[in-house]
Structures are given as C-alpha cells and as structure tokens.
Amino acid sequence: MSTDLATLRKLAHLARLEFDENKEQQMLGDLNKILDWVDQLRQLDTSNVEPLVHLSHEINVLRPDEAHNTVSHQEGLRNAPRKDSDYFRVPKVLE
C-alpha cells in the first residue's frame, strides 16, 4: 500500500501543514514506509491470539469509599465571613 503526492497534499491541507518540495518528498517517503509497515501488521496471523484488554492481571485494591462529615453545615456557616440564612454569600462574579 502506498500513497501519491496528491493524497499527501490533501492530508497536509486537512492537518493545516505546509511543506517545501524537499520536505514534501521526504514526508511522502516516510508516509509510504508507515503504510508498508501497517500492511505487514495486517498480514500477521492473529487467529490464535487471545484479545488483550489489560497488560497485566493485577487488580487495584482500593479501600471502600466512606463518606464522613468532618465539618457540619452550621460549623461551616459559623466560620464564613458572609452568610445569608443557610447559605454562604460570595462576591458577585458575573454581571
């Protein structure tokens, strides 16, 4: 599988890239090498290979989530610089 200069120019336009003639030829060669490598990967027989979801069989052992109230609502309001009834009062941000 290989590509031509017109396809490279279209891809470069879509990616908002610009190349001079030397770089364009170099990029075309590099792109064709990549496409050849992808073709080699497609030819591999993977029929006996089990699908891989994770690289290792290790499982993260995490502690269970437990909610704890460290500061009650009233204690928080008591320490607030400004409050309005049961709410914190903050400076206006939007006009």
N, C-alpha and C. Protein backbone atom coordinates (compact mmCIF):
# COMPACT_ATOMS: atom_id res chain seq x y z
N MET A 1 0.85 -1.17 0.00
CA MET A 1 0.00 0.00 0.00
C MET A 1 0.90 1.23 0.00
N SER A 2 0.64 2.13 -0.91
CA SER A 2 1.40 3.37 -0.94
C SER A 2 0.47 4.51 -1.32
N THR A 3 0.94 5.70 -1.14
CA THR A 3 0.12 6.86 -1.45
C THR A 3 0.87 7.76 -2.43
N ASP A 4 0.15 8.68 -3.02
CA ASP A 4 0.76 9.56 -4.01
C ASP A 4 0.86 10.99 -3.46
N LEU A 5 1.46 11.86 -4.24
CA LEU A 5 1.70 13.23 -3.83
C LEU A 5 0.39 13.99 -3.62
N ALA A 6 -0.62 13.71 -4.44
CA ALA A 6 -1.91 14.41 -4.31
C ALA A 6 -2.56 14.08 -2.97
N THR A 7 -2.50 12.82 -2.56
CA THR A 7 -3.07 12.42 -1.27
C THR A 7 -2.32 13.07 -0.13
N LEU A 8 -0.99 13.10 -0.23
CA LEU A 8 -0.18 13.75 0.80
C LEU A 8 -0.54 15.23 0.91
N ARG A 9 -0.71 15.89 -0.22
CA ARG A 9 -1.06 17.32 -0.19
C ARG A 9 -2.44 17.53 0.43
N LYS A 10 -3.37 16.62 0.14
CA LYS A 10 -4.71 16.73 0.73
C LYS A 10 -4.64 16.53 2.25
N LEU A 11 -3.87 15.53 2.69
CA LEU A 11 -3.70 15.30 4.12
C LEU A 11 -3.03 16.49 4.80
N ALA A 12 -2.03 17.05 4.14
CA ALA A 12 -1.33 18.21 4.70
C ALA A 12 -2.28 19.40 4.82
N HIS A 13 -3.14 19.58 3.82
CA HIS A 13 -4.12 20.67 3.87
C HIS A 13 -5.09 20.46 5.03
N LEU A 14 -5.59 19.24 5.19
CA LEU A 14 -6.52 18.95 6.28
C LEU A 14 -5.88 19.14 7.65
N ALA A 15 -4.59 18.84 7.74
CA ALA A 15 -3.86 18.99 9.01
C ALA A 15 -3.27 20.39 9.16
N ARG A 16 -3.54 21.26 8.21
CA ARG A 16 -3.02 22.63 8.22
C ARG A 16 -1.49 22.64 8.29
N LEU A 17 -0.87 21.79 7.44
CA LEU A 17 0.58 21.72 7.37
C LEU A 17 1.04 22.21 6.00
N GLU A 18 2.22 22.77 5.94
CA GLU A 18 2.81 23.18 4.68
C GLU A 18 4.23 22.64 4.59
N PHE A 19 4.59 22.12 3.41
CA PHE A 19 5.93 21.57 3.19
C PHE A 19 6.52 22.18 1.93
N ASP A 20 7.84 22.40 1.93
CA ASP A 20 8.50 22.77 0.69
C ASP A 20 8.71 21.47 -0.11
N GLU A 21 9.24 21.57 -1.33
CA GLU A 21 9.34 20.38 -2.19
C GLU A 21 10.20 19.28 -1.59
N ASN A 22 11.33 19.66 -0.98
CA ASN A 22 12.20 18.64 -0.38
C ASN A 22 11.51 17.92 0.76
N LYS A 23 10.89 18.70 1.64
CA LYS A 23 10.19 18.11 2.79
C LYS A 23 9.00 17.27 2.31
N GLU A 24 8.35 17.74 1.24
CA GLU A 24 7.20 17.02 0.71
C GLU A 24 7.61 15.62 0.25
N GLN A 25 8.73 15.52 -0.45
CA GLN A 25 9.22 14.22 -0.90
C GLN A 25 9.63 13.35 0.28
N GLN A 26 10.25 13.97 1.29
CA GLN A 26 10.65 13.23 2.48
C GLN A 26 9.42 12.71 3.22
N MET A 27 8.41 13.56 3.36
CA MET A 27 7.17 13.15 4.04
C MET A 27 6.47 12.04 3.27
N LEU A 28 6.48 12.13 1.95
CA LEU A 28 5.85 11.10 1.13
C LEU A 28 6.56 9.76 1.34
N GLY A 29 7.88 9.79 1.38
CA GLY A 29 8.63 8.56 1.65
C GLY A 29 8.34 8.00 3.03
N ASP A 30 8.30 8.88 4.03
CA ASP A 30 8.01 8.44 5.40
C ASP A 30 6.60 7.86 5.51
N LEU A 31 5.64 8.53 4.88
CA LEU A 31 4.26 8.05 4.92
C LEU A 31 4.13 6.69 4.25
N ASN A 32 4.82 6.50 3.13
CA ASN A 32 4.78 5.20 2.46
C ASN A 32 5.43 4.11 3.30
N LYS A 33 6.50 4.45 4.02
CA LYS A 33 7.12 3.46 4.92
C LYS A 33 6.15 3.05 6.03
N ILE A 34 5.43 4.04 6.57
CA ILE A 34 4.46 3.75 7.63
C ILE A 34 3.34 2.86 7.09
N LEU A 35 2.85 3.18 5.90
CA LEU A 35 1.77 2.38 5.31
C LEU A 35 2.24 0.97 4.98
N ASP A 36 3.49 0.82 4.54
CA ASP A 36 4.04 -0.52 4.30
C ASP A 36 4.12 -1.31 5.61
N TRP A 37 4.50 -0.65 6.67
CA TRP A 37 4.58 -1.31 7.99
C TRP A 37 3.19 -1.75 8.44
N VAL A 38 2.19 -0.90 8.22
CA VAL A 38 0.81 -1.27 8.58
C VAL A 38 0.37 -2.47 7.76
N ASP A 39 0.75 -2.52 6.49
CA ASP A 39 0.42 -3.70 5.67
C ASP A 39 1.05 -4.96 6.24
N GLN A 40 2.29 -4.86 6.72
CA GLN A 40 2.93 -6.02 7.34
C GLN A 40 2.16 -6.46 8.58
N LEU A 41 1.68 -5.52 9.36
CA LEU A 41 0.90 -5.87 10.54
C LEU A 41 -0.41 -6.55 10.16
N ARG A 42 -1.03 -6.10 9.08
CA ARG A 42 -2.29 -6.71 8.64
C ARG A 42 -2.09 -8.16 8.19
N GLN A 43 -0.91 -8.49 7.71
CA GLN A 43 -0.65 -9.84 7.22
C GLN A 43 -0.38 -10.84 8.33
N LEU A 44 -0.18 -10.36 9.54
CA LEU A 44 0.09 -11.26 10.66
C LEU A 44 -1.13 -12.11 10.97
N ASP A 45 -0.90 -13.39 11.25
CA ASP A 45 -1.98 -14.29 11.62
C ASP A 45 -2.21 -14.18 13.13
N THR A 46 -3.31 -13.58 13.50
CA THR A 46 -3.63 -13.40 14.92
C THR A 46 -4.85 -14.23 15.33
N SER A 47 -5.15 -15.26 14.54
CA SER A 47 -6.36 -16.05 14.83
C SER A 47 -6.25 -16.81 16.15
N ASN A 48 -5.05 -17.18 16.56
CA ASN A 48 -4.88 -17.93 17.81
C ASN A 48 -4.46 -17.04 18.98
N VAL A 49 -4.50 -15.75 18.79
CA VAL A 49 -4.09 -14.82 19.84
C VAL A 49 -5.33 -14.35 20.58
N GLU A 50 -5.30 -14.50 21.89
CA GLU A 50 -6.43 -14.08 22.71
C GLU A 50 -6.45 -12.56 22.81
N PRO A 51 -7.63 -11.94 22.70
CA PRO A 51 -7.70 -10.48 22.81
C PRO A 51 -7.15 -10.00 24.15
N LEU A 52 -6.43 -8.91 24.12
CA LEU A 52 -5.79 -8.37 25.31
C LEU A 52 -6.53 -7.11 25.74
N VAL A 53 -7.04 -7.14 26.97
CA VAL A 53 -7.73 -5.97 27.49
C VAL A 53 -6.78 -5.15 28.35
N HIS A 54 -6.03 -5.83 29.22
CA HIS A 54 -5.06 -5.17 30.10
C HIS A 54 -3.72 -5.87 29.95
N LEU A 55 -2.65 -5.13 30.19
CA LEU A 55 -1.32 -5.71 30.06
C LEU A 55 -0.98 -6.66 31.18
N SER A 56 -1.57 -6.47 32.34
CA SER A 56 -1.29 -7.36 33.46
C SER A 56 -2.60 -7.81 34.10
N HIS A 57 -2.51 -8.85 34.88
CA HIS A 57 -3.70 -9.38 35.54
C HIS A 57 -3.89 -8.78 36.93
N GLU A 58 -3.06 -7.82 37.27
CA GLU A 58 -3.17 -7.20 38.59
C GLU A 58 -4.41 -6.32 38.66
N ILE A 59 -5.01 -6.32 39.83
CA ILE A 59 -6.20 -5.51 40.05
C ILE A 59 -5.88 -4.52 41.16
N ASN A 60 -6.28 -3.28 40.96
CA ASN A 60 -6.06 -2.28 42.01
C ASN A 60 -6.92 -2.62 43.22
N VAL A 61 -6.28 -2.70 44.35
CA VAL A 61 -7.01 -2.94 45.59
C VAL A 61 -7.14 -1.60 46.30
N LEU A 62 -8.33 -1.09 46.31
CA LEU A 62 -8.57 0.21 46.90
C LEU A 62 -9.48 0.07 48.11
N ARG A 63 -9.37 1.00 49.01
CA ARG A 63 -10.24 0.95 50.17
C ARG A 63 -11.65 1.35 49.73
N PRO A 64 -12.67 0.90 50.43
CA PRO A 64 -14.03 1.31 50.07
C PRO A 64 -14.24 2.79 50.38
N ASP A 65 -15.03 3.44 49.56
CA ASP A 65 -15.33 4.85 49.80
C ASP A 65 -16.31 4.96 50.96
N GLU A 66 -15.97 5.78 51.91
CA GLU A 66 -16.84 6.03 53.04
C GLU A 66 -16.96 7.53 53.24
N ALA A 67 -18.19 8.02 53.27
CA ALA A 67 -18.40 9.45 53.47
C ALA A 67 -18.35 9.78 54.94
N HIS A 68 -17.61 10.82 55.27
CA HIS A 68 -17.51 11.29 56.65
C HIS A 68 -17.74 12.79 56.67
N ASN A 69 -18.60 13.24 57.55
CA ASN A 69 -18.77 14.68 57.74
C ASN A 69 -17.74 15.16 58.74
N THR A 70 -16.82 15.97 58.27
CA THR A 70 -15.80 16.48 59.18
C THR A 70 -16.22 17.83 59.76
N VAL A 71 -16.94 18.62 58.96
CA VAL A 71 -17.43 19.92 59.42
C VAL A 71 -18.93 19.95 59.14
N SER A 72 -19.71 20.23 60.16
CA SER A 72 -21.16 20.30 59.95
C SER A 72 -21.52 21.58 59.20
N HIS A 73 -22.72 21.60 58.69
CA HIS A 73 -23.21 22.76 57.95
C HIS A 73 -23.17 24.00 58.84
N GLN A 74 -23.62 23.87 60.05
CA GLN A 74 -23.66 25.01 60.97
C GLN A 74 -22.26 25.50 61.33
N GLU A 75 -21.33 24.56 61.53
CA GLU A 75 -19.94 24.95 61.84
C GLU A 75 -19.32 25.71 60.67
N GLY A 76 -19.61 25.25 59.46
CA GLY A 76 -19.09 25.93 58.28
C GLY A 76 -19.64 27.34 58.16
N LEU A 77 -20.94 27.48 58.38
CA LEU A 77 -21.55 28.81 58.31
C LEU A 77 -21.04 29.72 59.42
N ARG A 78 -20.76 29.16 60.56
CA ARG A 78 -20.27 29.94 61.69
C ARG A 78 -18.92 30.58 61.35
N ASN A 79 -18.11 29.89 60.55
CA ASN A 79 -16.78 30.39 60.18
C ASN A 79 -16.78 31.22 58.90
N ALA A 80 -17.93 31.34 58.23
CA ALA A 80 -17.99 32.07 56.97
C ALA A 80 -17.91 33.57 57.21
N PRO A 81 -17.16 34.30 56.37
CA PRO A 81 -17.09 35.75 56.54
C PRO A 81 -18.44 36.42 56.26
N ARG A 82 -19.20 35.88 55.30
CA ARG A 82 -20.52 36.43 54.99
C ARG A 82 -21.47 35.28 54.75
N LYS A 83 -22.68 35.41 55.26
CA LYS A 83 -23.68 34.37 55.05
C LYS A 83 -25.04 35.01 54.91
N ASP A 84 -25.96 34.27 54.30
CA ASP A 84 -27.33 34.72 54.13
C ASP A 84 -28.22 33.54 54.47
N SER A 85 -28.84 33.57 55.61
CA SER A 85 -29.68 32.47 56.10
C SER A 85 -28.83 31.21 56.20
N ASP A 86 -29.11 30.21 55.39
CA ASP A 86 -28.36 28.94 55.44
C ASP A 86 -27.33 28.82 54.32
N TYR A 87 -26.97 29.93 53.67
CA TYR A 87 -26.09 29.87 52.51
C TYR A 87 -24.85 30.74 52.71
N PHE A 88 -23.76 30.36 52.06
CA PHE A 88 -22.57 31.20 52.03
C PHE A 88 -22.82 32.33 51.05
N ARG A 89 -22.39 33.51 51.40
CA ARG A 89 -22.54 34.66 50.50
C ARG A 89 -21.16 34.95 49.91
N VAL A 90 -21.11 34.99 48.58
CA VAL A 90 -19.83 35.21 47.89
C VAL A 90 -19.94 36.46 47.03
N PRO A 91 -18.81 37.08 46.69
CA PRO A 91 -18.86 38.27 45.84
C PRO A 91 -19.43 37.92 44.46
N LYS A 92 -20.08 38.89 43.86
CA LYS A 92 -20.67 38.71 42.54
C LYS A 92 -19.55 38.53 41.51
N VAL A 93 -19.70 37.52 40.65
CA VAL A 93 -18.66 37.24 39.67
C VAL A 93 -19.11 37.64 38.27
N LEU A 94 -20.37 37.46 37.96
CA LEU A 94 -20.91 37.79 36.65
C LEU A 94 -21.80 39.02 36.75
N GLU A 95 -21.83 39.77 35.68
CA GLU A 95 -22.70 40.94 35.68
C GLU A 95 -23.89 40.70 34.80
